[in-house]
N, C-alpha and C. Protein backbone atom coordinates (compact mmCIF):
# COMPACT_ATOMS: atom_id res chain seq x y z
N MET A 1 146.22 166.54 124.10
CA MET A 1 145.00 167.07 124.49
C MET A 1 144.26 167.40 123.25
N ALA A 2 144.87 168.04 122.31
CA ALA A 2 144.24 168.55 121.25
C ALA A 2 143.67 167.40 120.25
N TRP A 3 143.93 166.24 120.43
CA TRP A 3 143.40 165.16 119.73
C TRP A 3 142.24 164.77 120.40
N VAL A 4 142.19 164.72 121.63
CA VAL A 4 140.96 164.49 122.53
C VAL A 4 139.98 165.42 122.35
N ALA A 5 140.16 166.81 122.06
CA ALA A 5 139.31 167.87 121.73
C ALA A 5 138.66 167.55 120.47
N ILE A 6 139.56 167.31 119.38
CA ILE A 6 139.01 167.26 118.07
C ILE A 6 138.06 166.02 117.98
N VAL A 7 138.27 164.92 118.57
CA VAL A 7 137.58 163.82 118.56
C VAL A 7 136.13 164.13 119.25
N VAL A 8 136.23 164.76 120.60
CA VAL A 8 134.79 165.09 121.12
C VAL A 8 134.21 166.15 120.32
N ALA A 9 134.74 167.06 119.60
CA ALA A 9 134.32 168.01 118.57
C ALA A 9 133.58 167.30 117.46
N GLY A 10 134.35 166.28 116.97
CA GLY A 10 133.62 165.45 115.84
C GLY A 10 132.40 164.69 116.36
N LEU A 11 132.58 164.32 117.34
CA LEU A 11 131.39 163.44 117.91
C LEU A 11 130.11 164.39 118.18
N LEU A 12 130.25 165.70 118.85
CA LEU A 12 129.54 166.53 118.87
C LEU A 12 128.71 166.92 117.50
N GLU A 13 129.49 166.98 116.52
CA GLU A 13 129.00 167.20 115.34
C GLU A 13 127.91 166.22 114.71
N VAL A 14 128.19 164.96 115.18
CA VAL A 14 127.24 163.86 114.83
C VAL A 14 126.02 164.32 115.52
N VAL A 15 126.20 164.49 116.93
CA VAL A 15 124.93 164.84 117.84
C VAL A 15 124.21 165.96 117.12
N TRP A 16 125.01 166.91 116.76
CA TRP A 16 123.91 168.17 116.27
C TRP A 16 123.44 167.83 114.94
N ALA A 17 124.11 167.01 114.17
CA ALA A 17 123.55 166.70 112.81
C ALA A 17 122.29 165.69 113.18
N LEU A 18 122.25 164.91 114.05
CA LEU A 18 120.99 164.01 114.41
C LEU A 18 119.97 165.09 114.95
N ALA A 19 120.45 165.97 115.92
CA ALA A 19 119.35 166.89 116.47
C ALA A 19 118.82 167.68 115.33
N MET A 20 119.59 168.24 114.32
CA MET A 20 119.17 169.03 113.34
C MET A 20 117.86 168.25 112.42
N LYS A 21 118.29 167.00 112.21
CA LYS A 21 117.43 166.28 111.37
C LYS A 21 115.99 166.01 112.34
N GLN A 22 116.20 165.76 113.65
CA GLN A 22 115.04 165.65 114.51
C GLN A 22 114.28 166.95 114.59
N SER A 23 114.95 168.01 114.45
CA SER A 23 114.30 169.45 114.86
C SER A 23 113.17 169.75 113.81
N GLN A 24 113.28 168.85 112.67
CA GLN A 24 112.30 169.00 111.36
C GLN A 24 112.23 170.60 111.19
N GLY A 25 113.56 171.07 110.55
CA GLY A 25 113.61 172.42 109.96
C GLY A 25 113.48 173.35 111.24
N PHE A 26 114.15 173.15 112.30
CA PHE A 26 113.96 173.90 113.46
C PHE A 26 112.52 174.29 114.01
N THR A 27 111.73 173.47 113.72
CA THR A 27 110.28 173.85 114.26
C THR A 27 109.93 173.02 115.61
N ARG A 28 110.76 172.29 116.06
CA ARG A 28 110.73 171.73 117.34
C ARG A 28 111.84 172.20 118.26
N LEU A 29 111.41 172.83 119.29
CA LEU A 29 112.45 173.46 120.31
C LEU A 29 113.39 172.57 120.99
N GLY A 30 113.18 171.60 121.55
CA GLY A 30 114.08 170.55 122.08
C GLY A 30 115.36 170.43 121.17
N PRO A 31 114.90 169.59 119.95
CA PRO A 31 116.22 169.25 119.38
C PRO A 31 116.87 170.55 118.41
N SER A 32 116.26 171.65 118.44
CA SER A 32 116.69 172.91 117.97
C SER A 32 117.94 173.42 118.91
N VAL A 33 117.31 173.45 120.23
CA VAL A 33 118.43 173.86 121.34
C VAL A 33 119.51 173.01 121.28
N VAL A 34 119.39 171.57 121.33
CA VAL A 34 120.56 170.63 121.27
C VAL A 34 121.52 170.98 120.02
N THR A 35 120.85 171.35 118.87
CA THR A 35 121.72 171.66 117.83
C THR A 35 122.57 172.85 117.91
N ALA A 36 121.91 173.76 118.44
CA ALA A 36 122.76 175.05 118.79
C ALA A 36 123.72 174.86 119.85
N VAL A 37 123.55 174.16 120.85
CA VAL A 37 124.51 174.09 121.77
C VAL A 37 125.63 173.27 121.55
N CYS A 38 125.45 172.15 120.68
CA CYS A 38 126.33 171.36 120.20
C CYS A 38 127.24 172.02 119.05
N VAL A 39 126.42 172.76 118.27
CA VAL A 39 127.37 173.28 117.26
C VAL A 39 128.36 174.50 117.94
N VAL A 40 127.99 175.20 118.86
CA VAL A 40 128.93 176.12 119.32
C VAL A 40 129.96 175.30 120.22
N VAL A 41 129.83 174.44 120.96
CA VAL A 41 130.67 173.43 121.67
C VAL A 41 131.73 172.89 120.75
N SER A 42 131.17 172.40 119.72
CA SER A 42 131.86 171.69 118.55
C SER A 42 132.79 172.55 117.82
N PHE A 43 132.42 173.75 117.63
CA PHE A 43 133.20 174.72 117.00
C PHE A 43 134.26 175.16 117.99
N ALA A 44 133.99 175.34 119.24
CA ALA A 44 134.91 176.00 120.26
C ALA A 44 136.03 174.89 120.46
N LEU A 45 135.77 173.55 120.58
CA LEU A 45 136.73 172.55 120.62
C LEU A 45 137.40 172.52 119.25
N LEU A 46 136.88 172.61 118.19
CA LEU A 46 137.58 172.51 116.76
C LEU A 46 138.72 173.79 116.91
N ALA A 47 138.35 175.04 117.37
CA ALA A 47 138.98 176.06 117.33
C ALA A 47 140.21 176.00 118.31
N TRP A 48 140.06 175.33 119.41
CA TRP A 48 141.08 175.08 120.45
C TRP A 48 142.04 174.16 120.10
N SER A 49 141.36 173.07 119.36
CA SER A 49 142.50 171.99 118.69
C SER A 49 143.40 172.56 117.68
N MET A 50 142.92 173.58 117.17
CA MET A 50 143.65 174.15 115.94
C MET A 50 144.83 175.13 116.59
N ARG A 51 144.65 175.34 117.67
CA ARG A 51 145.84 176.11 118.47
C ARG A 51 147.27 175.02 118.31
N THR A 52 146.86 173.79 118.35
CA THR A 52 148.10 172.87 118.33
C THR A 52 148.08 172.14 116.90
N LEU A 53 146.94 171.54 116.43
CA LEU A 53 147.06 170.82 115.34
C LEU A 53 146.95 171.58 114.10
N PRO A 54 147.68 171.28 112.94
CA PRO A 54 147.60 171.74 111.67
C PRO A 54 146.30 171.99 111.15
N LEU A 55 145.94 173.27 110.57
CA LEU A 55 144.62 173.49 109.86
C LEU A 55 143.97 172.19 109.19
N GLY A 56 144.54 171.74 108.27
CA GLY A 56 144.02 170.75 107.33
C GLY A 56 143.79 169.34 108.27
N VAL A 57 144.67 168.94 109.14
CA VAL A 57 144.73 167.87 109.89
C VAL A 57 143.20 168.06 110.81
N ALA A 58 143.26 169.10 111.62
CA ALA A 58 142.05 169.32 112.40
C ALA A 58 140.91 169.31 111.75
N TYR A 59 140.64 170.05 110.62
CA TYR A 59 139.60 170.31 109.91
C TYR A 59 139.04 168.77 109.35
N MET A 60 140.11 168.09 108.71
CA MET A 60 139.62 166.80 108.24
C MET A 60 139.17 165.85 109.14
N VAL A 61 139.88 165.73 110.46
CA VAL A 61 139.37 164.76 111.31
C VAL A 61 138.06 165.22 111.78
N TRP A 62 137.83 166.61 112.11
CA TRP A 62 136.64 166.95 112.58
C TRP A 62 135.34 166.65 111.61
N THR A 63 135.60 166.86 110.27
CA THR A 63 134.49 166.63 109.29
C THR A 63 134.45 165.05 109.18
N GLY A 64 135.46 164.31 109.16
CA GLY A 64 135.41 163.09 108.93
C GLY A 64 134.74 162.19 110.07
N ILE A 65 135.09 162.64 111.13
CA ILE A 65 134.32 161.92 112.41
C ILE A 65 132.98 162.27 112.20
N GLY A 66 132.48 163.27 111.83
CA GLY A 66 131.15 163.98 111.59
C GLY A 66 130.48 163.23 110.58
N ALA A 67 131.18 163.11 109.45
CA ALA A 67 130.46 162.44 108.22
C ALA A 67 130.38 161.01 108.56
N ILE A 68 131.38 160.40 109.09
CA ILE A 68 131.15 158.76 109.35
C ILE A 68 130.23 158.58 110.26
N GLY A 69 130.25 159.59 111.47
CA GLY A 69 129.26 159.32 112.35
C GLY A 69 127.69 159.57 112.03
N ALA A 70 127.58 160.51 111.18
CA ALA A 70 126.14 160.68 110.72
C ALA A 70 125.75 159.58 109.72
N PHE A 71 126.77 159.08 108.93
CA PHE A 71 126.62 157.96 108.08
C PHE A 71 125.97 156.75 109.10
N VAL A 72 126.70 156.58 110.09
CA VAL A 72 126.39 155.44 111.07
C VAL A 72 125.04 155.56 111.68
N VAL A 73 124.74 156.70 112.20
CA VAL A 73 123.60 156.89 112.94
C VAL A 73 122.49 157.01 111.87
N GLY A 74 122.75 157.40 110.56
CA GLY A 74 121.62 157.37 109.70
C GLY A 74 121.23 155.89 109.25
N VAL A 75 122.26 155.04 109.26
CA VAL A 75 121.94 153.53 108.85
C VAL A 75 121.20 152.96 110.34
N ALA A 76 122.02 152.89 111.48
CA ALA A 76 121.53 152.37 112.49
C ALA A 76 120.41 152.78 113.23
N VAL A 77 120.36 154.10 113.06
CA VAL A 77 118.96 154.91 113.97
C VAL A 77 117.89 155.09 113.30
N LEU A 78 118.20 155.86 111.96
CA LEU A 78 117.25 156.60 111.07
C LEU A 78 116.84 155.26 110.06
N GLY A 79 117.29 154.29 109.81
CA GLY A 79 116.81 153.14 108.91
C GLY A 79 117.26 153.38 107.41
N GLU A 80 118.52 154.32 107.24
CA GLU A 80 118.94 154.54 105.94
C GLU A 80 119.47 153.36 105.29
N SER A 81 119.47 153.21 104.11
CA SER A 81 119.87 152.20 103.37
C SER A 81 121.65 152.07 103.47
N LEU A 82 122.03 150.72 103.22
CA LEU A 82 123.28 150.41 103.46
C LEU A 82 123.72 149.55 102.32
N SER A 83 124.43 150.09 101.35
CA SER A 83 124.82 149.35 100.11
C SER A 83 126.14 149.29 100.15
N PRO A 84 126.71 148.13 99.46
CA PRO A 84 128.15 148.02 99.43
C PRO A 84 128.96 149.42 98.95
N MET A 85 128.36 150.10 98.09
CA MET A 85 129.01 151.18 97.53
C MET A 85 129.21 152.35 98.82
N ARG A 86 128.19 152.49 99.45
CA ARG A 86 127.98 153.47 100.56
C ARG A 86 129.00 153.00 101.63
N ALA A 87 128.98 151.80 102.06
CA ALA A 87 130.03 151.03 102.70
C ALA A 87 131.49 151.40 102.41
N LEU A 88 131.76 151.23 101.25
CA LEU A 88 133.24 151.33 100.67
C LEU A 88 133.55 152.92 100.75
N ALA A 89 132.62 153.65 100.52
CA ALA A 89 132.92 155.00 100.66
C ALA A 89 133.22 155.48 102.07
N ALA A 90 132.53 155.06 103.05
CA ALA A 90 132.66 155.17 104.38
C ALA A 90 134.08 154.67 104.79
N ALA A 91 134.37 153.56 104.40
CA ALA A 91 135.58 152.76 104.64
C ALA A 91 136.93 153.68 104.01
N LEU A 92 136.69 154.22 102.98
CA LEU A 92 137.54 155.29 102.29
C LEU A 92 137.90 156.47 103.44
N ILE A 93 136.85 156.92 103.97
CA ILE A 93 136.86 158.18 104.86
C ILE A 93 137.69 157.72 105.89
N VAL A 94 137.39 156.49 106.45
CA VAL A 94 138.05 156.12 107.68
C VAL A 94 139.44 155.81 107.59
N GLY A 95 139.98 155.11 106.49
CA GLY A 95 141.26 155.13 105.90
C GLY A 95 142.07 156.31 105.77
N GLY A 96 141.36 157.37 105.11
CA GLY A 96 141.97 158.84 105.17
C GLY A 96 142.13 159.18 106.36
N LEU A 97 141.18 159.09 107.44
CA LEU A 97 141.70 159.50 108.81
C LEU A 97 142.68 158.90 109.45
N ILE A 98 142.78 157.65 109.40
CA ILE A 98 143.84 156.91 109.82
C ILE A 98 145.09 157.44 109.39
N LEU A 99 145.31 157.32 108.06
CA LEU A 99 146.50 158.01 107.48
C LEU A 99 146.81 159.20 107.72
N MET A 100 145.74 160.34 108.05
CA MET A 100 145.95 161.67 108.54
C MET A 100 146.75 161.55 109.90
N LYS A 101 146.13 160.91 110.80
CA LYS A 101 146.52 160.61 112.14
C LYS A 101 148.14 160.11 112.13
N LEU A 102 148.36 158.95 111.24
CA LEU A 102 149.41 158.48 111.12
C LEU A 102 150.59 159.57 110.55
N SER A 103 150.30 160.25 109.83
CA SER A 103 151.17 161.25 109.12
C SER A 103 151.40 162.49 110.03
N THR A 104 150.74 162.74 111.15
CA THR A 104 150.98 163.71 112.05
C THR A 104 151.35 163.25 113.41
N SER A 105 151.75 162.09 113.46
CA SER A 105 152.08 161.35 114.89
C SER A 105 152.83 162.28 115.79
N GLY A 106 153.71 163.11 115.24
CA GLY A 106 154.58 163.85 116.02
C GLY A 106 153.90 165.15 116.57
N THR A 107 152.58 165.52 116.26
CA THR A 107 151.94 166.77 116.47
C THR A 107 151.03 166.37 117.57
N ALA A 108 151.04 167.20 118.39
CA ALA A 108 150.26 167.44 119.63
C ALA A 108 150.15 165.99 120.36
C-alpha cells in the first residue's frame, strides 16, 4: 500500500506544479487553491509511505514521478521544447526509478 501512496503523492506533485504555473505567481485564486491542497495531500501521502519505505527510496520515487510528470506535462500541455538531450535526461530518471523499485522489491 505504501507504493500506491507514493505513486499518488508523486502524481499530485505534478498536479500542484502545473497548478502553480497556472496560478501566475499565486495571483489567480483557483489554481492557487489547487496548488495548496495538492501540496498538503502529496506531503501527507509521502510522510505516510515513509512509515514503511526507506527515506531515500520514498523521496526519490516521489521527486522522480514529479519531475518526469512535470516534464511530460510541460511538453504535452504547455508546448515546451523536446530535444533529444532532454528526452535522454528524462529516460535516465525513469531508469533510476525502475532500478530503485527493483532494488527494494522486498520492501512494502
